[in-house]
Amino acid sequence: MTSMYQSSSANQYKDYTMVPKSPDLSTTFNEATTPAVATIVDKPNYVIVNGPGTFAFAYKSGSLSTYTTGSKIATNAGPQELPIQPVAWRRTDDAAATGDVTFVYVRVR
C-alpha cells in the first residue's frame, strides 16, 4: 500500500517535512454495476435509481429483512443519483428488475 504523503527534499522546503501527495488521476476510474434485487454487494460510493418507483435499501450485510425506504421517484424525474452506500436494494411498489438501480464505485487501479 502506498502512502498518501511524500517527503520533500531539503532544497524545496529547507527541512525535511511530509507534504500531501497529489492523487494519480490516471489510475482512478469509476465502475458501475447493476446488482440483482436483494443481492448483497460491496458498498458503492453512490447509487443511481434509473426509473420511477419506490425503492428501499439495506445498509448492513446479513440484514436482508431490514430495508429502509430511500427514494420515491416520480414518473417524469429521470435517473436520480443518491449519495448513499447500501449493500442491497429492492423495489417496494412494483416488481423489480435488474437494472432498476445502478451501484457506482470510484476505484483506484
Foldseek 3Di string as FASTA:
>chain_A
DDDQWDWDDCVPPVDTDIDGDDDDVVQKDKDKFFDFALDFDFWAQWKKQAAAAWKWFAADPPPSVDTHTDDGHDHPRGIDIGRDTGRHMATDPDHDGGPRMMGMHIDGD
